[in-house]
Structures are given as C-alpha cells and as structure tokens.
Amino acid sequence: MRVSLSPFDLRNRTKSPNWNWDFVPFIATLLIGIMFVLLGSKFILYPGIPIELPAIQESEEFYLEGVPCTTELTLHDDQIVLFEGRIQSISKLEVTLKAFIDSCKEKEKTLLIRADHHVKMETFLSICHQAKKAGFKSLQIAATSETLPYNKN
C-alpha cells in the first residue's frame, strides 16, 4: 500500500530541516585541540644542557677514554680558580686564557677543568663560555665529590 501525499498537498506544507552550521563552537574546539597538541609536544624547550651519553651493550665493558689536554684549570669552593699554578680572578680569566692560547703551539687545544662539589653550575658555565671565547676547541671535566684537606667540612 503506497501512501500518496499529493492529494493533501503536504509535500509543499512540510518544511525541510534547517541545516545551518555555526562555526564558532567548531573553531573553539579546534583551537583547544591545537593547544593540547602544541603544549604536549617537543616544541616546548626544556631548560638545561643536552648531554648525549654513549650507548653501550650490557655485556660489554665501558672505559672512558681521555683526550690529551693542553692545560688544566682547577675550581675550588666556587671562589678559587687555579690556572697555570696561579690564582686567577674569574672576571679576568678570559684574558689569561686568550694569552695562553696565543702562546700555545698545539692545533687542538683542550682545557681540563677540575671542579669540586661546591662549584655552582653558573660559575662552571661562565668559565666554559670564557674558555670557548678564548679559543679552546674542547673541554674535559673532572669532578671530585670528596672534601679536600683545606675545606672546613
């Protein structure tokens, strides 16, 4: 049995649903999604210095290989800087390092920095920056955790 709507003219009297689409909620949802993606991704830079550790197998032994160093600098208690057997000022250290570089005849200039556990990271990074500006090509770090004889600890 087929129903016909034409006798009552119902087809012309019925309204089709209104399919207008509001863009504001769609854009708001899209922006929230973009915020979640960007804030949860690697686009955000984390503070710190990236250090790549050597990859080793569990079965193999690992030995640290040293690089021959040109000279060494020793830091004690975040205040005492020893370079070439003399106490140096941190503010004038770059001039001293530059003078050493100018007098050195080796091509690859490496600075060994010995530091105890009292040295602040800010001081250490300042000295590394001064050494790079002076002309050292690489740095080696030797840290000690035990207290030294002249410490009050």
N, C-alpha and C. Protein backbone atom coordinates (compact mmCIF):
# COMPACT_ATOMS: atom_id res chain seq x y z
N MET A 1 0.84 -1.16 0.00
CA MET A 1 0.00 0.00 0.00
C MET A 1 0.90 1.23 0.00
N ARG A 2 0.68 2.02 -0.96
CA ARG A 2 1.51 3.20 -1.14
C ARG A 2 0.72 4.43 -0.76
N VAL A 3 1.35 5.24 0.10
CA VAL A 3 0.66 6.43 0.58
C VAL A 3 1.09 7.60 -0.29
N SER A 4 0.16 8.33 -0.72
CA SER A 4 0.45 9.47 -1.56
C SER A 4 0.13 10.75 -0.80
N LEU A 5 1.07 11.67 -0.81
CA LEU A 5 0.86 12.93 -0.11
C LEU A 5 0.33 14.03 -1.02
N SER A 6 0.22 13.74 -2.26
CA SER A 6 -0.20 14.78 -3.19
C SER A 6 -1.66 15.23 -3.03
N PRO A 7 -2.59 14.38 -2.63
CA PRO A 7 -3.95 14.89 -2.53
C PRO A 7 -4.10 16.00 -1.48
N PHE A 8 -3.32 15.91 -0.43
CA PHE A 8 -3.46 16.92 0.62
C PHE A 8 -2.45 18.05 0.47
N ASP A 9 -1.61 17.94 -0.49
CA ASP A 9 -0.54 18.93 -0.76
C ASP A 9 0.38 19.10 0.46
N LEU A 10 0.69 17.98 1.11
CA LEU A 10 1.51 18.01 2.32
C LEU A 10 3.00 18.23 1.99
N ARG A 11 3.40 17.83 0.82
CA ARG A 11 4.81 17.99 0.47
C ARG A 11 5.20 19.47 0.46
N ASN A 12 4.34 20.32 0.01
CA ASN A 12 4.63 21.76 -0.01
C ASN A 12 4.47 22.41 1.36
N ARG A 13 3.70 21.82 2.22
CA ARG A 13 3.46 22.39 3.54
C ARG A 13 4.51 21.98 4.58
N THR A 14 5.23 20.90 4.32
CA THR A 14 6.28 20.49 5.27
C THR A 14 7.54 21.30 5.02
N LYS A 15 8.21 21.64 6.09
CA LYS A 15 9.45 22.41 5.98
C LYS A 15 10.63 21.46 6.10
N SER A 16 11.62 21.70 5.28
CA SER A 16 12.84 20.89 5.40
C SER A 16 13.62 21.38 6.63
N PRO A 17 14.35 20.49 7.30
CA PRO A 17 15.09 20.91 8.50
C PRO A 17 16.16 21.96 8.14
N ASN A 18 16.39 22.84 9.07
CA ASN A 18 17.37 23.91 8.90
C ASN A 18 18.76 23.35 9.24
N TRP A 19 19.66 23.27 8.25
CA TRP A 19 20.97 22.68 8.45
C TRP A 19 22.06 23.75 8.51
N ASN A 20 21.75 24.91 9.00
CA ASN A 20 22.79 25.95 9.15
C ASN A 20 23.79 25.50 10.21
N TRP A 21 25.07 25.74 9.93
CA TRP A 21 26.12 25.25 10.82
C TRP A 21 26.83 26.45 11.43
N ASP A 22 26.97 26.44 12.76
CA ASP A 22 27.61 27.54 13.47
C ASP A 22 29.11 27.23 13.59
N PHE A 23 29.95 28.12 13.10
CA PHE A 23 31.39 27.88 13.05
C PHE A 23 32.10 28.20 14.37
N VAL A 24 31.53 28.99 15.23
CA VAL A 24 32.20 29.41 16.47
C VAL A 24 32.53 28.22 17.37
N PRO A 25 31.60 27.32 17.69
CA PRO A 25 31.99 26.17 18.53
C PRO A 25 33.03 25.27 17.86
N PHE A 26 32.94 25.14 16.54
CA PHE A 26 33.91 24.32 15.81
C PHE A 26 35.31 24.92 15.92
N ILE A 27 35.45 26.21 15.73
CA ILE A 27 36.75 26.87 15.80
C ILE A 27 37.29 26.83 17.23
N ALA A 28 36.42 27.01 18.22
CA ALA A 28 36.86 26.95 19.63
C ALA A 28 37.40 25.56 19.95
N THR A 29 36.69 24.53 19.51
CA THR A 29 37.15 23.15 19.75
C THR A 29 38.47 22.89 19.01
N LEU A 30 38.59 23.40 17.81
CA LEU A 30 39.82 23.25 17.05
C LEU A 30 41.00 23.93 17.74
N LEU A 31 40.79 25.14 18.25
CA LEU A 31 41.87 25.85 18.97
C LEU A 31 42.28 25.12 20.24
N ILE A 32 41.32 24.58 20.98
CA ILE A 32 41.66 23.82 22.19
C ILE A 32 42.47 22.59 21.82
N GLY A 33 42.10 21.91 20.74
CA GLY A 33 42.87 20.74 20.28
C GLY A 33 44.28 21.12 19.89
N ILE A 34 44.44 22.23 19.20
CA ILE A 34 45.78 22.69 18.80
C ILE A 34 46.62 23.02 20.02
N MET A 35 46.01 23.64 21.03
CA MET A 35 46.75 23.96 22.26
C MET A 35 47.25 22.69 22.94
N PHE A 36 46.41 21.65 23.02
CA PHE A 36 46.83 20.39 23.62
C PHE A 36 47.99 19.78 22.84
N VAL A 37 47.92 19.82 21.55
CA VAL A 37 48.98 19.22 20.72
C VAL A 37 50.29 19.99 20.89
N LEU A 38 50.24 21.32 20.85
CA LEU A 38 51.47 22.10 20.95
C LEU A 38 52.08 22.06 22.35
N LEU A 39 51.26 22.13 23.38
CA LEU A 39 51.81 22.12 24.74
C LEU A 39 52.30 20.74 25.16
N GLY A 40 51.82 19.71 24.53
CA GLY A 40 52.27 18.37 24.87
C GLY A 40 53.36 17.85 23.96
N SER A 41 53.87 18.67 23.06
CA SER A 41 54.84 18.20 22.09
C SER A 41 56.25 18.67 22.45
N LYS A 42 57.18 18.36 21.61
CA LYS A 42 58.58 18.73 21.81
C LYS A 42 58.87 20.15 21.34
N PHE A 43 57.84 20.90 20.93
CA PHE A 43 58.06 22.29 20.53
C PHE A 43 58.45 23.14 21.73
N ILE A 44 58.02 22.71 22.91
CA ILE A 44 58.35 23.43 24.13
C ILE A 44 59.79 23.08 24.49
N LEU A 45 60.63 24.08 24.68
CA LEU A 45 62.03 23.84 25.01
C LEU A 45 62.19 23.72 26.52
N TYR A 46 62.80 22.65 26.94
CA TYR A 46 63.04 22.43 28.35
C TYR A 46 64.38 23.05 28.73
N PRO A 47 64.47 23.60 29.93
CA PRO A 47 65.75 24.21 30.34
C PRO A 47 66.80 23.13 30.57
N GLY A 48 68.04 23.51 30.36
CA GLY A 48 69.13 22.59 30.63
C GLY A 48 70.07 22.46 29.44
N ILE A 49 71.08 21.67 29.65
CA ILE A 49 72.09 21.43 28.62
C ILE A 49 71.95 19.98 28.17
N PRO A 50 71.72 19.77 26.88
CA PRO A 50 71.61 18.38 26.43
C PRO A 50 72.97 17.69 26.44
N ILE A 51 73.02 16.51 27.00
CA ILE A 51 74.25 15.72 27.05
C ILE A 51 73.93 14.36 26.46
N GLU A 52 74.66 13.97 25.44
CA GLU A 52 74.46 12.67 24.84
C GLU A 52 75.39 11.66 25.51
N LEU A 53 74.81 10.66 26.13
CA LEU A 53 75.59 9.63 26.79
C LEU A 53 75.91 8.53 25.79
N PRO A 54 77.07 7.91 25.94
CA PRO A 54 77.43 6.85 24.99
C PRO A 54 76.54 5.63 25.17
N ALA A 55 76.16 5.02 24.07
CA ALA A 55 75.33 3.81 24.11
C ALA A 55 76.24 2.60 24.20
N ILE A 56 76.00 1.76 25.21
CA ILE A 56 76.81 0.55 25.36
C ILE A 56 75.89 -0.63 25.58
N GLN A 57 76.37 -1.80 25.24
CA GLN A 57 75.64 -3.04 25.49
C GLN A 57 75.85 -3.42 26.95
N GLU A 58 74.92 -4.14 27.52
CA GLU A 58 75.07 -4.57 28.92
C GLU A 58 76.24 -5.53 29.07
N SER A 59 76.54 -6.29 28.04
CA SER A 59 77.58 -7.31 28.15
C SER A 59 78.99 -6.73 28.00
N GLU A 60 79.12 -5.59 27.34
CA GLU A 60 80.45 -5.06 27.11
C GLU A 60 80.86 -4.10 28.23
N GLU A 61 82.15 -4.05 28.48
CA GLU A 61 82.67 -3.15 29.48
C GLU A 61 82.90 -1.79 28.86
N PHE A 62 82.80 -0.77 29.68
CA PHE A 62 82.92 0.58 29.17
C PHE A 62 84.09 1.27 29.86
N TYR A 63 85.00 1.80 29.07
CA TYR A 63 86.14 2.53 29.59
C TYR A 63 86.08 3.95 29.06
N LEU A 64 86.33 4.89 29.92
CA LEU A 64 86.39 6.28 29.49
C LEU A 64 87.74 6.52 28.86
N GLU A 65 87.72 7.08 27.69
CA GLU A 65 88.96 7.40 27.01
C GLU A 65 89.20 8.90 27.13
N GLY A 66 90.35 9.26 27.62
CA GLY A 66 90.67 10.66 27.77
C GLY A 66 91.27 11.24 26.50
N VAL A 67 91.17 12.52 26.39
CA VAL A 67 91.78 13.25 25.29
C VAL A 67 92.98 13.98 25.87
N PRO A 68 94.12 13.97 25.21
CA PRO A 68 95.25 14.71 25.76
C PRO A 68 94.88 16.18 25.90
N CYS A 69 95.12 16.71 27.09
CA CYS A 69 94.73 18.09 27.32
C CYS A 69 95.95 19.00 27.24
N THR A 70 95.70 20.23 26.82
CA THR A 70 96.75 21.22 26.68
C THR A 70 97.14 21.78 28.04
N THR A 71 96.13 22.10 28.84
CA THR A 71 96.37 22.65 30.17
C THR A 71 95.17 22.34 31.05
N GLU A 72 95.28 22.66 32.32
CA GLU A 72 94.16 22.41 33.22
C GLU A 72 93.87 23.62 34.08
N LEU A 73 92.62 23.69 34.48
CA LEU A 73 92.12 24.76 35.34
C LEU A 73 91.40 24.09 36.49
N THR A 74 91.65 24.54 37.71
CA THR A 74 91.05 23.91 38.88
C THR A 74 90.14 24.90 39.59
N LEU A 75 88.95 24.43 39.94
CA LEU A 75 87.97 25.26 40.67
C LEU A 75 87.75 24.65 42.05
N HIS A 76 87.87 25.49 43.07
CA HIS A 76 87.62 25.06 44.45
C HIS A 76 86.64 26.02 45.10
N ASP A 77 85.67 25.48 45.78
CA ASP A 77 84.73 26.24 46.61
C ASP A 77 84.05 27.39 45.88
N ASP A 78 83.89 27.32 44.59
CA ASP A 78 83.19 28.32 43.79
C ASP A 78 83.84 29.70 43.86
N GLN A 79 85.05 29.81 44.40
CA GLN A 79 85.71 31.11 44.52
C GLN A 79 87.15 31.06 44.05
N ILE A 80 87.81 29.95 44.25
CA ILE A 80 89.24 29.85 43.94
C ILE A 80 89.41 29.21 42.56
N VAL A 81 90.08 29.93 41.66
CA VAL A 81 90.37 29.44 40.32
C VAL A 81 91.89 29.38 40.17
N LEU A 82 92.39 28.18 39.95
CA LEU A 82 93.83 27.99 39.75
C LEU A 82 94.08 27.67 38.29
N PHE A 83 94.95 28.46 37.65
CA PHE A 83 95.32 28.23 36.26
C PHE A 83 96.81 28.48 36.12
N GLU A 84 97.51 27.48 35.59
CA GLU A 84 98.95 27.56 35.41
C GLU A 84 99.67 27.86 36.73
N GLY A 85 99.19 27.27 37.82
CA GLY A 85 99.86 27.41 39.11
C GLY A 85 99.58 28.72 39.84
N ARG A 86 98.70 29.56 39.31
CA ARG A 86 98.41 30.84 39.96
C ARG A 86 96.91 30.99 40.18
N ILE A 87 96.56 31.71 41.23
CA ILE A 87 95.16 32.00 41.49
C ILE A 87 94.72 33.11 40.54
N GLN A 88 93.61 32.89 39.86
CA GLN A 88 93.10 33.83 38.87
C GLN A 88 91.74 34.36 39.30
N SER A 89 91.41 35.53 38.82
CA SER A 89 90.08 36.10 39.02
C SER A 89 89.18 35.60 37.90
N ILE A 90 87.93 35.26 38.23
CA ILE A 90 87.01 34.76 37.21
C ILE A 90 86.73 35.84 36.17
N SER A 91 86.69 37.10 36.60
CA SER A 91 86.38 38.18 35.67
C SER A 91 87.52 38.42 34.67
N LYS A 92 88.75 38.12 35.06
CA LYS A 92 89.90 38.33 34.16
C LYS A 92 90.42 37.03 33.56
N LEU A 93 89.68 35.96 33.75
CA LEU A 93 90.14 34.65 33.30
C LEU A 93 90.20 34.56 31.78
N GLU A 94 89.28 35.19 31.09
CA GLU A 94 89.27 35.11 29.62
C GLU A 94 90.55 35.70 29.02
N VAL A 95 91.03 36.79 29.59
CA VAL A 95 92.27 37.41 29.10
C VAL A 95 93.43 36.45 29.32
N THR A 96 93.49 35.82 30.48
CA THR A 96 94.56 34.87 30.78
C THR A 96 94.50 33.67 29.85
N LEU A 97 93.28 33.16 29.60
CA LEU A 97 93.13 32.01 28.71
C LEU A 97 93.51 32.38 27.28
N LYS A 98 93.15 33.57 26.85
CA LYS A 98 93.49 34.04 25.50
C LYS A 98 95.01 34.16 25.35
N ALA A 99 95.69 34.69 26.38
CA ALA A 99 97.15 34.79 26.34
C ALA A 99 97.78 33.41 26.26
N PHE A 100 97.22 32.44 26.97
CA PHE A 100 97.74 31.08 26.91
C PHE A 100 97.54 30.50 25.51
N ILE A 101 96.37 30.71 24.92
CA ILE A 101 96.09 30.20 23.58
C ILE A 101 97.06 30.79 22.57
N ASP A 102 97.34 32.09 22.69
CA ASP A 102 98.26 32.74 21.75
C ASP A 102 99.68 32.19 21.86
N SER A 103 100.07 31.78 23.07
CA SER A 103 101.43 31.26 23.25
C SER A 103 101.53 29.76 22.97
N CYS A 104 100.40 29.07 22.87
CA CYS A 104 100.39 27.62 22.66
C CYS A 104 100.57 27.29 21.18
N LYS A 105 101.35 26.24 20.90
CA LYS A 105 101.64 25.87 19.52
C LYS A 105 100.82 24.67 19.04
N GLU A 106 100.08 24.03 19.93
CA GLU A 106 99.29 22.85 19.54
C GLU A 106 98.07 23.29 18.73
N LYS A 107 97.66 22.42 17.78
CA LYS A 107 96.49 22.74 16.96
C LYS A 107 95.21 22.54 17.74
N GLU A 108 95.04 21.37 18.32
CA GLU A 108 93.84 21.06 19.10
C GLU A 108 94.07 21.45 20.55
N LYS A 109 93.46 22.50 20.97
CA LYS A 109 93.65 22.99 22.33
C LYS A 109 92.50 22.51 23.21
N THR A 110 92.82 21.73 24.24
CA THR A 110 91.83 21.16 25.14
C THR A 110 92.11 21.64 26.55
N LEU A 111 91.06 22.08 27.22
CA LEU A 111 91.18 22.54 28.60
C LEU A 111 90.54 21.51 29.51
N LEU A 112 91.29 21.06 30.51
CA LEU A 112 90.77 20.16 31.52
C LEU A 112 90.32 21.01 32.71
N ILE A 113 89.07 20.90 33.07
CA ILE A 113 88.52 21.65 34.20
C ILE A 113 88.28 20.67 35.33
N ARG A 114 89.00 20.88 36.42
CA ARG A 114 88.80 20.07 37.63
C ARG A 114 87.97 20.90 38.60
N ALA A 115 86.88 20.33 39.08
CA ALA A 115 85.98 21.07 39.96
C ALA A 115 85.55 20.18 41.11
N ASP A 116 85.39 20.79 42.28
CA ASP A 116 84.86 20.02 43.41
C ASP A 116 83.35 20.22 43.48
N HIS A 117 82.72 19.60 44.46
CA HIS A 117 81.26 19.60 44.54
C HIS A 117 80.68 20.92 45.04
N HIS A 118 81.49 21.87 45.42
CA HIS A 118 80.99 23.17 45.88
C HIS A 118 80.81 24.17 44.74
N VAL A 119 81.30 23.86 43.57
CA VAL A 119 81.25 24.80 42.45
C VAL A 119 79.82 24.87 41.91
N LYS A 120 79.33 26.09 41.78
CA LYS A 120 77.98 26.29 41.24
C LYS A 120 77.99 26.11 39.73
N MET A 121 76.87 25.68 39.21
CA MET A 121 76.75 25.46 37.76
C MET A 121 76.93 26.78 37.01
N GLU A 122 76.46 27.87 37.57
CA GLU A 122 76.61 29.18 36.92
C GLU A 122 78.08 29.54 36.73
N THR A 123 78.88 29.31 37.76
CA THR A 123 80.31 29.58 37.68
C THR A 123 80.97 28.67 36.65
N PHE A 124 80.62 27.41 36.69
CA PHE A 124 81.20 26.44 35.76
C PHE A 124 80.87 26.82 34.31
N LEU A 125 79.61 27.16 34.03
CA LEU A 125 79.23 27.51 32.67
C LEU A 125 79.87 28.82 32.23
N SER A 126 80.06 29.74 33.16
CA SER A 126 80.74 31.00 32.84
C SER A 126 82.19 30.73 32.40
N ILE A 127 82.86 29.85 33.11
CA ILE A 127 84.24 29.51 32.77
C ILE A 127 84.29 28.77 31.44
N CYS A 128 83.33 27.88 31.19
CA CYS A 128 83.27 27.18 29.90
C CYS A 128 83.07 28.17 28.76
N HIS A 129 82.21 29.15 28.96
CA HIS A 129 81.97 30.17 27.94
C HIS A 129 83.23 31.00 27.69
N GLN A 130 83.92 31.38 28.75
CA GLN A 130 85.16 32.15 28.60
C GLN A 130 86.22 31.34 27.87
N ALA A 131 86.31 30.05 28.16
CA ALA A 131 87.29 29.19 27.50
C ALA A 131 86.98 29.06 26.01
N LYS A 132 85.72 28.94 25.67
CA LYS A 132 85.35 28.85 24.26
C LYS A 132 85.66 30.15 23.53
N LYS A 133 85.36 31.29 24.17
CA LYS A 133 85.66 32.58 23.55
C LYS A 133 87.16 32.80 23.41
N ALA A 134 87.94 32.24 24.34
CA ALA A 134 89.40 32.40 24.28
C ALA A 134 90.00 31.58 23.14
N GLY A 135 89.34 30.48 22.74
CA GLY A 135 89.85 29.72 21.61
C GLY A 135 90.07 28.24 21.86
N PHE A 136 89.67 27.73 23.00
CA PHE A 136 89.79 26.29 23.25
C PHE A 136 88.79 25.55 22.39
N LYS A 137 89.23 24.46 21.76
CA LYS A 137 88.37 23.69 20.87
C LYS A 137 87.50 22.71 21.63
N SER A 138 87.99 22.20 22.77
CA SER A 138 87.20 21.24 23.54
C SER A 138 87.53 21.37 25.01
N LEU A 139 86.62 20.86 25.82
CA LEU A 139 86.77 20.88 27.28
C LEU A 139 86.62 19.47 27.81
N GLN A 140 87.38 19.17 28.84
CA GLN A 140 87.20 17.94 29.59
C GLN A 140 86.84 18.34 31.01
N ILE A 141 86.01 17.53 31.65
CA ILE A 141 85.56 17.84 33.00
C ILE A 141 85.97 16.70 33.92
N ALA A 142 86.61 17.05 35.01
CA ALA A 142 86.95 16.07 36.05
C ALA A 142 86.37 16.61 37.35
N ALA A 143 85.43 15.89 37.93
CA ALA A 143 84.77 16.35 39.15
C ALA A 143 85.17 15.47 40.32
N THR A 144 85.28 16.07 41.47
CA THR A 144 85.55 15.33 42.69
C THR A 144 84.41 15.56 43.67
N SER A 145 84.05 14.51 44.38
CA SER A 145 82.96 14.65 45.34
C SER A 145 83.44 14.63 46.78
N GLU A 146 84.66 14.15 47.00
CA GLU A 146 85.16 14.12 48.38
C GLU A 146 85.64 15.52 48.79
N THR A 147 85.66 15.74 50.09
CA THR A 147 86.13 17.03 50.58
C THR A 147 87.64 17.06 50.54
N LEU A 148 88.18 18.19 50.22
CA LEU A 148 89.61 18.35 50.12
C LEU A 148 90.17 18.76 51.49
N PRO A 149 91.48 18.56 51.73
CA PRO A 149 92.04 18.79 53.06
C PRO A 149 91.87 20.21 53.58
N TYR A 150 91.84 21.21 52.73
CA TYR A 150 91.77 22.58 53.21
C TYR A 150 90.34 23.02 53.51
N ASN A 151 89.33 22.18 53.16
CA ASN A 151 87.94 22.53 53.44
C ASN A 151 87.65 22.46 54.92
N LYS A 152 86.68 23.21 55.37
CA LYS A 152 86.30 23.21 56.79
C LYS A 152 85.32 22.09 57.09
N ASN A 153 84.79 21.41 56.06
CA ASN A 153 83.77 20.35 56.28
C ASN A 153 84.37 19.17 56.98
